[in-house]
Amino acid sequence: MPLDGRTVAPNVGELWLYNEFVPDAPAGSRVFLECARQQYLTTVWLNGRRLGEHRGSCDRFSFDLTGLVQGGATNRLAMNLRSPRGAFKVDGNSSREMPIWGSGPRVQVAPVVRTHGPAAIVDVATHPDLRTGRLALEVELDAAAAGPVDLSFEVRENGRAAVLQSLRQTVQAAAGRSVH
């Protein structure tokens, strides 16, 4: 992990971001780094330890920091973003079909360190049935211990305030990751 301040190297399509934080996490809570709309290859370190990487530019992703953050102490987060240069193909798409990449690596939504209760939603898959007009949800949870988890979802049209449909359900989560 580089130890200097924030540096930008636009000629090589690389951006380094640094942040120091002291977590305010109650006992039993989970700590996550939540990211969105970072382009294209993001690699993350916490206190000098490489956590992993994410490829993509428009989706949300997170890293579980639980057990890695130093409670009551300053933690150092480093993120390296790299973006392809010149002509290239990614997942079958050419660079000409992705003009936003011409500006180099970008962060459009600031990363946030958040605490959650003893269970967190890892992923939500939607399964619309256009014939019946119904929407099924598949939720992946990560729980510190087995037990009931209360879930609540709302369906809105294009981010408007009016709720079209809501769902509340209690599921029995297993310790670790489980799908419901």
C-alpha atoms as a PDB file:
ATOM      1  CA  MET A   1       0.000   0.000   0.000  1.00  0.00           C
ATOM      2  CA  PRO A   2       1.538   3.333  -0.988  1.00  0.00           C
ATOM      3  CA  LEU A   3       2.184   5.629   1.954  1.00  0.00           C
ATOM      4  CA  ASP A   4       2.126   8.983   0.154  1.00  0.00           C
ATOM      5  CA  GLY A   5      -0.901  11.264  -0.172  1.00  0.00           C
ATOM      6  CA  ARG A   6      -3.488  11.318  -2.912  1.00  0.00           C
ATOM      7  CA  THR A   7      -1.925  11.116  -6.380  1.00  0.00           C
ATOM      8  CA  VAL A   8      -3.463  11.100  -9.822  1.00  0.00           C
ATOM      9  CA  ALA A   9      -1.674   9.660 -12.843  1.00  0.00           C
ATOM     10  CA  PRO A  10      -4.040  10.365 -15.769  1.00  0.00           C
ATOM     11  CA  ASN A  11      -1.555   9.244 -18.441  1.00  0.00           C
ATOM     12  CA  VAL A  12      -1.673   5.683 -17.140  1.00  0.00           C
ATOM     13  CA  GLY A  13      -5.380   5.655 -16.248  1.00  0.00           C
ATOM     14  CA  GLU A  14      -4.807   5.218 -12.515  1.00  0.00           C
ATOM     15  CA  LEU A  15      -6.208   6.935  -9.433  1.00  0.00           C
ATOM     16  CA  TRP A  16      -5.330   6.374  -5.747  1.00  0.00           C
ATOM     17  CA  LEU A  17      -7.746   7.342  -2.965  1.00  0.00           C
ATOM     18  CA  TYR A  18      -6.892   7.291   0.747  1.00  0.00           C
ATOM     19  CA  ASN A  19      -9.013   7.726   3.841  1.00  0.00           C
ATOM     20  CA  GLU A  20      -8.414   7.322   7.558  1.00  0.00           C
ATOM     21  CA  PHE A  21     -11.298   6.604   9.905  1.00  0.00           C
ATOM     22  CA  VAL A  22     -12.050   5.483  13.457  1.00  0.00           C
ATOM     23  CA  PRO A  23     -15.013   3.085  13.376  1.00  0.00           C
ATOM     24  CA  ASP A  24     -17.988   3.768  15.600  1.00  0.00           C
ATOM     25  CA  ALA A  25     -19.362   0.233  15.643  1.00  0.00           C
ATOM     26  CA  PRO A  26     -21.473  -1.105  18.532  1.00  0.00           C
ATOM     27  CA  ALA A  27     -20.648  -4.612  19.769  1.00  0.00           C
ATOM     28  CA  GLY A  28     -22.022  -7.326  17.463  1.00  0.00           C
ATOM     29  CA  SER A  29     -22.393  -5.035  14.459  1.00  0.00           C
ATOM     30  CA  ARG A  30     -20.966  -5.678  11.013  1.00  0.00           C
ATOM     31  CA  VAL A  31     -18.769  -3.135   9.207  1.00  0.00           C
ATOM     32  CA  PHE A  32     -18.800  -2.798   5.417  1.00  0.00           C
ATOM     33  CA  LEU A  33     -17.160  -0.605   2.809  1.00  0.00           C
ATOM     34  CA  GLU A  34     -19.957   0.176   0.333  1.00  0.00           C
ATOM     35  CA  CYS A  35     -19.034   1.353  -3.156  1.00  0.00           C
ATOM     36  CA  ALA A  36     -20.878   2.192  -6.370  1.00  0.00           C
ATOM     37  CA  ARG A  37     -20.159   3.524  -9.840  1.00  0.00           C
ATOM     38  CA  GLN A  38     -16.398   3.269  -9.753  1.00  0.00           C
ATOM     39  CA  GLN A  39     -14.674   2.636 -13.000  1.00  0.00           C
ATOM     40  CA  TYR A  40     -13.247   0.174 -13.911  1.00  0.00           C
ATOM     41  CA  LEU A  41     -10.937  -2.036 -11.820  1.00  0.00           C
ATOM     42  CA  THR A  42     -10.991  -1.180  -8.100  1.00  0.00           C
ATOM     43  CA  THR A  43      -8.550  -2.775  -5.649  1.00  0.00           C
ATOM     44  CA  VAL A  44      -8.979  -2.131  -1.905  1.00  0.00           C
ATOM     45  CA  TRP A  45      -6.587  -2.341   1.067  1.00  0.00           C
ATOM     46  CA  LEU A  46      -7.331  -1.866   4.768  1.00  0.00           C
ATOM     47  CA  ASN A  47      -4.420  -1.278   7.144  1.00  0.00           C
ATOM     48  CA  GLY A  48      -1.989  -2.642   4.543  1.00  0.00           C
ATOM     49  CA  ARG A  49      -3.989  -5.832   3.901  1.00  0.00           C
ATOM     50  CA  ARG A  50      -5.354  -6.386   0.391  1.00  0.00           C
ATOM     51  CA  LEU A  51      -9.098  -7.070   0.647  1.00  0.00           C
ATOM     52  CA  GLY A  52      -9.794  -7.800  -3.009  1.00  0.00           C
ATOM     53  CA  GLU A  53     -10.875  -6.225  -6.250  1.00  0.00           C
ATOM     54  CA  HIS A  54     -13.991  -5.456  -8.266  1.00  0.00           C
ATOM     55  CA  ARG A  55     -14.416  -5.056 -12.033  1.00  0.00           C
ATOM     56  CA  GLY A  56     -17.223  -2.962 -13.459  1.00  0.00           C
ATOM     57  CA  SER A  57     -18.392   0.608 -13.730  1.00  0.00           C
ATOM     58  CA  CYS A  58     -22.069   0.988 -12.881  1.00  0.00           C
ATOM     59  CA  ASP A  59     -22.867  -1.619 -10.245  1.00  0.00           C
ATOM     60  CA  ARG A  60     -22.704  -1.536  -6.460  1.00  0.00           C
ATOM     61  CA  PHE A  61     -20.278  -3.672  -4.476  1.00  0.00           C
ATOM     62  CA  SER A  62     -19.043  -3.985  -0.926  1.00  0.00           C
ATOM     63  CA  PHE A  63     -16.248  -5.419   1.188  1.00  0.00           C
ATOM     64  CA  ASP A  64     -16.907  -6.897   4.627  1.00  0.00           C
ATOM     65  CA  LEU A  65     -14.530  -5.203   7.082  1.00  0.00           C
ATOM     66  CA  THR A  66     -15.926  -6.995  10.145  1.00  0.00           C
ATOM     67  CA  GLY A  67     -13.074  -8.391  12.206  1.00  0.00           C
ATOM     68  CA  LEU A  68     -10.526  -6.440  10.145  1.00  0.00           C
ATOM     69  CA  VAL A  69     -11.120  -2.911  11.429  1.00  0.00           C
ATOM     70  CA  GLN A  70      -9.293  -1.870  14.571  1.00  0.00           C
ATOM     71  CA  GLY A  71     -11.984  -0.663  16.995  1.00  0.00           C
ATOM     72  CA  GLY A  72     -11.218   2.651  18.693  1.00  0.00           C
ATOM     73  CA  ALA A  73      -8.103   3.134  16.533  1.00  0.00           C
ATOM     74  CA  THR A  74      -7.350   4.913  13.263  1.00  0.00           C
ATOM     75  CA  ASN A  75      -7.756   2.619  10.259  1.00  0.00           C
ATOM     76  CA  ARG A  76      -6.208   3.410   6.861  1.00  0.00           C
ATOM     77  CA  LEU A  77      -8.186   2.613   3.729  1.00  0.00           C
ATOM     78  CA  ALA A  78      -6.564   2.725   0.276  1.00  0.00           C
ATOM     79  CA  MET A  79      -8.298   2.273  -3.076  1.00  0.00           C
ATOM     80  CA  ASN A  80      -6.646   1.975  -6.462  1.00  0.00           C
ATOM     81  CA  LEU A  81      -8.792   2.536  -9.554  1.00  0.00           C
ATOM     82  CA  ARG A  82      -7.521   1.641 -13.009  1.00  0.00           C
ATOM     83  CA  SER A  83      -9.276   2.254 -16.288  1.00  0.00           C
ATOM     84  CA  PRO A  84      -8.365   0.794 -19.698  1.00  0.00           C
ATOM     85  CA  ARG A  85      -6.738   3.090 -22.253  1.00  0.00           C
ATOM     86  CA  GLY A  86      -6.928   3.005 -26.047  1.00  0.00           C
ATOM     87  CA  ALA A  87      -8.821   0.394 -28.035  1.00  0.00           C
ATOM     88  CA  PHE A  88      -9.911  -2.612 -25.987  1.00  0.00           C
ATOM     89  CA  LYS A  89     -12.762  -5.056 -25.402  1.00  0.00           C
ATOM     90  CA  VAL A  90     -14.373  -5.828 -22.049  1.00  0.00           C
ATOM     91  CA  ASP A  91     -17.108  -8.463 -21.789  1.00  0.00           C
ATOM     92  CA  GLY A  92     -17.603  -8.284 -25.565  1.00  0.00           C
ATOM     93  CA  ASN A  93     -18.017  -4.481 -25.656  1.00  0.00           C
ATOM     94  CA  SER A  94     -15.490  -2.291 -27.461  1.00  0.00           C
ATOM     95  CA  SER A  95     -14.106   0.907 -25.967  1.00  0.00           C
ATOM     96  CA  ARG A  96     -16.010   2.874 -28.608  1.00  0.00           C
ATOM     97  CA  GLU A  97     -19.279   1.635 -27.059  1.00  0.00           C
ATOM     98  CA  MET A  98     -18.188   2.967 -23.656  1.00  0.00           C
ATOM     99  CA  PRO A  99     -17.223   6.623 -24.263  1.00  0.00           C
ATOM    100  CA  ILE A 100     -17.265   7.553 -20.555  1.00  0.00           C
ATOM    101  CA  TRP A 101     -14.016   5.580 -20.103  1.00  0.00           C
ATOM    102  CA  GLY A 102     -12.151   8.124 -22.203  1.00  0.00           C
ATOM    103  CA  SER A 103     -11.918  10.334 -19.105  1.00  0.00           C
ATOM    104  CA  GLY A 104      -9.951   7.708 -17.147  1.00  0.00           C
ATOM    105  CA  PRO A 105     -10.784   6.158 -13.765  1.00  0.00           C
ATOM    106  CA  ARG A 106     -13.653   7.835 -11.929  1.00  0.00           C
ATOM    107  CA  VAL A 107     -15.571   7.669  -8.679  1.00  0.00           C
ATOM    108  CA  GLN A 108     -19.129   8.879  -9.255  1.00  0.00           C
ATOM    109  CA  VAL A 109     -20.483   7.863  -5.837  1.00  0.00           C
ATOM    110  CA  ALA A 110     -18.244   8.300  -2.798  1.00  0.00           C
ATOM    111  CA  PRO A 111     -17.373   5.055  -0.962  1.00  0.00           C
ATOM    112  CA  VAL A 112     -18.856   4.835   2.546  1.00  0.00           C
ATOM    113  CA  VAL A 113     -17.913   2.785   5.610  1.00  0.00           C
ATOM    114  CA  ARG A 114     -21.178   1.712   7.298  1.00  0.00           C
ATOM    115  CA  THR A 115     -22.094  -0.405  10.261  1.00  0.00           C
ATOM    116  CA  HIS A 116     -24.981  -2.846  10.122  1.00  0.00           C
ATOM    117  CA  GLY A 117     -26.662  -5.022  12.691  1.00  0.00           C
ATOM    118  CA  PRO A 118     -25.640  -8.635  13.177  1.00  0.00           C
ATOM    119  CA  ALA A 119     -27.029  -9.514   9.709  1.00  0.00           C
ATOM    120  CA  ALA A 120     -26.508  -7.716   6.411  1.00  0.00           C
ATOM    121  CA  ILE A 121     -27.969  -8.018   2.931  1.00  0.00           C
ATOM    122  CA  VAL A 122     -25.194  -9.107   0.570  1.00  0.00           C
ATOM    123  CA  ASP A 123     -27.192  -9.265  -2.654  1.00  0.00           C
ATOM    124  CA  VAL A 124     -30.739  -9.023  -3.963  1.00  0.00           C
ATOM    125  CA  ALA A 125     -31.817 -10.718  -7.201  1.00  0.00           C
ATOM    126  CA  THR A 126     -35.109  -9.725  -8.794  1.00  0.00           C
ATOM    127  CA  HIS A 127     -37.180 -12.174 -10.825  1.00  0.00           C
ATOM    128  CA  PRO A 128     -40.030 -10.358 -12.627  1.00  0.00           C
ATOM    129  CA  ASP A 129     -42.864 -12.369 -14.151  1.00  0.00           C
ATOM    130  CA  LEU A 130     -44.206 -10.164 -16.938  1.00  0.00           C
ATOM    131  CA  ARG A 131     -47.123 -12.514 -17.571  1.00  0.00           C
ATOM    132  CA  THR A 132     -48.529 -12.190 -14.040  1.00  0.00           C
ATOM    133  CA  GLY A 133     -47.061  -8.797 -13.111  1.00  0.00           C
ATOM    134  CA  ARG A 134     -45.419 -10.286  -9.998  1.00  0.00           C
ATOM    135  CA  LEU A 135     -41.907  -9.678  -8.740  1.00  0.00           C
ATOM    136  CA  ALA A 136     -40.054 -12.348  -6.770  1.00  0.00           C
ATOM    137  CA  LEU A 137     -37.018 -11.429  -4.674  1.00  0.00           C
ATOM    138  CA  GLU A 138     -34.082 -13.626  -3.744  1.00  0.00           C
ATOM    139  CA  VAL A 139     -32.061 -12.194  -0.846  1.00  0.00           C
ATOM    140  CA  GLU A 140     -28.572 -13.269   0.175  1.00  0.00           C
ATOM    141  CA  LEU A 141     -27.809 -12.560   3.829  1.00  0.00           C
ATOM    142  CA  ASP A 142     -24.586 -12.653   5.818  1.00  0.00           C
ATOM    143  CA  ALA A 143     -25.354 -13.188   9.505  1.00  0.00           C
ATOM    144  CA  ALA A 144     -22.992 -13.291  12.477  1.00  0.00           C
ATOM    145  CA  ALA A 145     -25.182 -15.953  14.107  1.00  0.00           C
ATOM    146  CA  ALA A 146     -28.246 -18.036  13.216  1.00  0.00           C
ATOM    147  CA  GLY A 147     -31.583 -16.444  14.038  1.00  0.00           C
ATOM    148  CA  PRO A 148     -34.550 -14.433  12.773  1.00  0.00           C
ATOM    149  CA  VAL A 149     -33.944 -11.481  10.444  1.00  0.00           C
ATOM    150  CA  ASP A 150     -36.665  -8.949   9.636  1.00  0.00           C
ATOM    151  CA  LEU A 151     -36.659  -7.853   5.986  1.00  0.00           C
ATOM    152  CA  SER A 152     -38.532  -4.914   4.503  1.00  0.00           C
ATOM    153  CA  PHE A 153     -38.662  -3.950   0.810  1.00  0.00           C
ATOM    154  CA  GLU A 154     -40.461  -1.203  -1.095  1.00  0.00           C
ATOM    155  CA  VAL A 155     -41.100  -0.940  -4.842  1.00  0.00           C
ATOM    156  CA  ARG A 156     -41.103   2.598  -6.222  1.00  0.00           C
ATOM    157  CA  GLU A 157     -41.361   3.941  -9.742  1.00  0.00           C
ATOM    158  CA  ASN A 158     -38.119   5.603 -10.897  1.00  0.00           C
ATOM    159  CA  GLY A 159     -37.172   6.735  -7.374  1.00  0.00           C
ATOM    160  CA  ARG A 160     -40.435   8.583  -6.764  1.00  0.00           C
ATOM    161  CA  ALA A 161     -41.790   8.991  -3.255  1.00  0.00           C
ATOM    162  CA  ALA A 162     -44.971   6.937  -3.808  1.00  0.00           C
ATOM    163  CA  VAL A 163     -44.631   3.288  -2.783  1.00  0.00           C
ATOM    164  CA  LEU A 164     -46.213   0.938  -5.338  1.00  0.00           C
ATOM    165  CA  GLN A 165     -45.842  -2.165  -3.189  1.00  0.00           C
ATOM    166  CA  SER A 166     -44.176  -3.120   0.079  1.00  0.00           C
ATOM    167  CA  LEU A 167     -43.171  -6.404   1.662  1.00  0.00           C
ATOM    168  CA  ARG A 168     -42.208  -7.291   5.230  1.00  0.00           C
ATOM    169  CA  GLN A 169     -41.062 -10.770   6.114  1.00  0.00           C
ATOM    170  CA  THR A 170     -39.089 -12.504   8.847  1.00  0.00           C
ATOM    171  CA  VAL A 171     -36.692 -15.225   7.694  1.00  0.00           C
ATOM    172  CA  GLN A 172     -34.550 -17.647   9.662  1.00  0.00           C
ATOM    173  CA  ALA A 173     -30.951 -16.908   8.689  1.00  0.00           C
ATOM    174  CA  ALA A 174     -28.142 -19.391   9.128  1.00  0.00           C
ATOM    175  CA  ALA A 175     -24.793 -18.264  10.517  1.00  0.00           C
ATOM    176  CA  GLY A 176     -22.669 -17.040   7.594  1.00  0.00           C
ATOM    177  CA  ARG A 177     -24.188 -16.609   4.136  1.00  0.00           C
ATOM    178  CA  SER A 178     -27.625 -17.913   3.190  1.00  0.00           C
ATOM    179  CA  VAL A 179     -30.158 -17.279   0.419  1.00  0.00           C
ATOM    180  CA  HIS A 180     -33.875 -16.678   1.057  1.00  0.00           C
END
